[in-house]
N, C-alpha and C. Protein backbone atom coordinates (compact mmCIF):
# COMPACT_ATOMS: atom_id res chain seq x y z
N MET A 1 -55.03 113.60 205.78
CA MET A 1 -55.89 114.81 205.49
C MET A 1 -56.61 114.98 204.20
N LYS A 2 -57.58 115.74 204.57
CA LYS A 2 -58.50 115.78 203.61
C LYS A 2 -58.25 117.07 202.46
N LYS A 3 -58.79 117.06 201.25
CA LYS A 3 -58.94 118.33 200.14
C LYS A 3 -60.23 118.70 200.51
N PHE A 4 -59.97 120.17 200.39
CA PHE A 4 -61.00 121.25 200.10
C PHE A 4 -60.76 122.34 199.14
N GLU A 5 -61.88 122.63 198.13
CA GLU A 5 -61.73 123.23 197.23
C GLU A 5 -62.66 124.73 197.80
N LEU A 6 -61.92 125.96 197.57
CA LEU A 6 -62.68 127.25 198.02
C LEU A 6 -62.77 127.87 196.79
N TYR A 7 -63.94 128.41 196.62
CA TYR A 7 -64.25 129.16 195.76
C TYR A 7 -64.56 130.72 196.21
N SER A 8 -64.61 131.64 195.11
CA SER A 8 -64.65 133.04 195.08
C SER A 8 -66.29 133.08 194.75
N SER A 9 -66.85 134.24 195.00
CA SER A 9 -67.94 134.66 194.50
C SER A 9 -67.95 134.82 192.73
N SER A 10 -68.91 134.77 192.01
CA SER A 10 -68.75 134.75 190.72
C SER A 10 -68.24 136.32 190.09
N PHE A 11 -67.52 136.55 189.06
CA PHE A 11 -67.42 137.67 188.26
C PHE A 11 -67.27 137.54 186.90
N ILE A 12 -67.51 139.07 186.32
CA ILE A 12 -67.15 138.80 184.80
C ILE A 12 -65.84 139.33 184.47
N SER A 13 -65.13 138.45 183.68
CA SER A 13 -63.98 138.64 182.94
C SER A 13 -63.81 138.46 181.39
N TYR A 14 -63.57 139.48 180.67
CA TYR A 14 -63.87 139.36 179.39
C TYR A 14 -65.15 138.83 178.75
N GLY A 15 -66.19 139.21 179.26
CA GLY A 15 -67.42 139.04 178.90
C GLY A 15 -67.96 137.50 179.27
N LYS A 16 -67.01 136.78 180.32
CA LYS A 16 -67.46 135.20 180.72
C LYS A 16 -67.64 135.50 182.23
N GLU A 17 -68.44 134.48 182.91
CA GLU A 17 -68.72 134.49 183.89
C GLU A 17 -67.27 133.44 184.64
N LYS A 18 -66.64 133.92 185.85
CA LYS A 18 -65.74 133.27 186.20
C LYS A 18 -65.80 133.25 187.83
N SER A 19 -64.83 132.25 188.39
CA SER A 19 -64.97 132.41 189.87
C SER A 19 -63.54 131.82 190.09
N ALA A 20 -62.83 132.33 191.12
CA ALA A 20 -61.13 131.92 191.68
C ALA A 20 -61.57 130.69 192.41
N SER A 21 -60.80 129.56 192.28
CA SER A 21 -60.92 128.51 193.07
C SER A 21 -59.03 127.95 193.74
N MET A 22 -59.36 127.37 194.67
CA MET A 22 -58.01 126.66 195.08
C MET A 22 -58.27 125.46 196.05
N ILE A 23 -57.45 124.50 195.66
CA ILE A 23 -57.68 123.34 196.79
C ILE A 23 -56.44 123.31 197.95
N VAL A 24 -56.99 123.19 199.25
CA VAL A 24 -56.14 123.26 200.39
C VAL A 24 -56.45 122.02 201.05
N HIS A 25 -55.62 121.69 201.86
CA HIS A 25 -55.34 120.39 202.61
C HIS A 25 -55.44 120.79 203.95
N ALA A 26 -56.42 120.03 204.92
CA ALA A 26 -56.90 120.31 206.12
C ALA A 26 -57.55 119.00 206.75
N ASP A 27 -57.40 118.94 208.18
CA ASP A 27 -57.95 117.66 208.63
C ASP A 27 -59.80 117.96 208.99
N SER A 28 -60.28 119.21 208.82
CA SER A 28 -61.72 119.17 208.92
C SER A 28 -62.07 120.75 208.49
N TYR A 29 -63.36 120.57 208.15
CA TYR A 29 -64.11 122.09 207.68
C TYR A 29 -63.82 122.82 208.87
N ALA A 30 -63.85 122.60 210.24
CA ALA A 30 -63.40 123.68 211.18
C ALA A 30 -62.06 124.23 210.94
N GLU A 31 -61.03 123.28 210.59
CA GLU A 31 -59.60 123.78 210.52
C GLU A 31 -59.61 125.01 209.54
N VAL A 32 -60.47 124.57 208.34
CA VAL A 32 -60.39 125.66 207.00
C VAL A 32 -61.14 126.90 207.49
N ILE A 33 -62.15 126.68 208.17
CA ILE A 33 -63.09 127.87 208.74
C ILE A 33 -62.52 128.75 209.65
N GLN A 34 -61.65 128.17 210.65
CA GLN A 34 -60.57 128.67 211.73
C GLN A 34 -59.66 129.66 210.80
N GLU A 35 -58.99 129.11 209.64
CA GLU A 35 -58.05 129.72 209.11
C GLU A 35 -58.45 130.86 208.48
N LEU A 36 -59.89 130.71 207.68
CA LEU A 36 -60.25 131.89 206.90
C LEU A 36 -60.95 132.92 207.99
N GLU A 37 -61.32 132.76 209.08
CA GLU A 37 -61.85 133.56 209.94
C GLU A 37 -60.72 134.50 210.51
N SER A 38 -59.54 133.98 210.60
CA SER A 38 -58.15 134.37 211.22
C SER A 38 -57.55 135.72 210.20
N ASN A 39 -58.26 135.60 209.00
CA ASN A 39 -57.98 136.45 207.96
C ASN A 39 -58.78 137.20 207.23
N ALA A 40 -60.28 137.37 207.95
CA ALA A 40 -61.41 137.85 207.53
C ALA A 40 -62.12 137.33 206.73
N GLY A 41 -62.10 135.99 206.29
CA GLY A 41 -62.50 135.37 205.06
C GLY A 41 -61.87 135.13 203.88
N TRP A 42 -60.65 135.80 203.82
CA TRP A 42 -59.83 135.65 202.66
C TRP A 42 -58.82 134.68 202.74
N TYR A 43 -58.78 134.03 201.64
CA TYR A 43 -57.73 133.18 201.19
C TYR A 43 -56.57 133.71 200.84
N THR A 44 -55.41 133.56 201.03
CA THR A 44 -54.14 134.26 200.47
C THR A 44 -52.95 132.98 200.44
N CYS A 45 -52.42 133.30 199.54
CA CYS A 45 -51.22 132.22 199.10
C CYS A 45 -50.28 132.94 198.15
N ASP A 46 -49.01 132.40 197.91
CA ASP A 46 -48.02 132.96 197.10
C ASP A 46 -48.73 133.58 195.69
N ASN A 47 -49.69 132.99 194.91
CA ASN A 47 -50.06 133.54 193.56
C ASN A 47 -51.53 133.62 193.59
N ALA A 48 -52.42 133.81 194.87
CA ALA A 48 -53.74 134.03 194.72
C ALA A 48 -54.13 134.74 196.15
N ALA A 49 -55.12 135.56 195.98
CA ALA A 49 -55.95 136.01 197.21
C ALA A 49 -57.48 136.27 196.50
N PHE A 50 -58.30 135.87 197.50
CA PHE A 50 -59.58 136.06 197.04
C PHE A 50 -60.70 135.79 198.61
N LYS A 51 -61.72 136.54 198.42
CA LYS A 51 -62.80 136.45 199.64
C LYS A 51 -63.31 134.89 199.14
N VAL A 52 -63.45 134.02 199.95
CA VAL A 52 -63.96 132.72 200.19
C VAL A 52 -65.20 132.83 200.16
N ALA A 53 -66.16 132.16 199.12
CA ALA A 53 -67.78 132.28 199.19
C ALA A 53 -68.33 130.95 199.48
N TYR A 54 -67.51 130.11 199.06
CA TYR A 54 -67.98 128.52 199.34
C TYR A 54 -66.78 127.51 199.49
N ILE A 55 -67.28 126.30 199.98
CA ILE A 55 -65.99 125.54 200.49
C ILE A 55 -66.90 124.10 200.19
N GLU A 56 -65.98 123.57 199.48
CA GLU A 56 -66.87 121.99 199.26
C GLU A 56 -65.43 121.16 199.55
N GLU A 57 -65.75 119.89 200.24
CA GLU A 57 -64.89 118.82 200.24
C GLU A 57 -64.82 117.93 199.00
N VAL A 58 -63.42 118.12 198.64
CA VAL A 58 -63.15 117.08 197.63
C VAL A 58 -63.36 115.37 197.90
N VAL A 59 -64.13 114.76 197.23
CA VAL A 59 -64.25 113.43 197.41
C VAL A 59 -63.59 112.67 196.24
N GLU A 60 -62.63 111.73 196.60
CA GLU A 60 -62.00 110.98 195.12
C GLU A 60 -62.28 109.62 195.28
């Protein structure tokens, strides 16, 4: 499995620019995108929910 980091759009919190991010495991970009499309572009889990703006493969 590969690792992908999902990022939200930037937002301002306490005067600083931030974005939410989460690492997910999948076999391909297509699998990640298919899961997001089935959720209207939202990533959701037990402790996070955000609209994904950018996906990047994590290379170790």
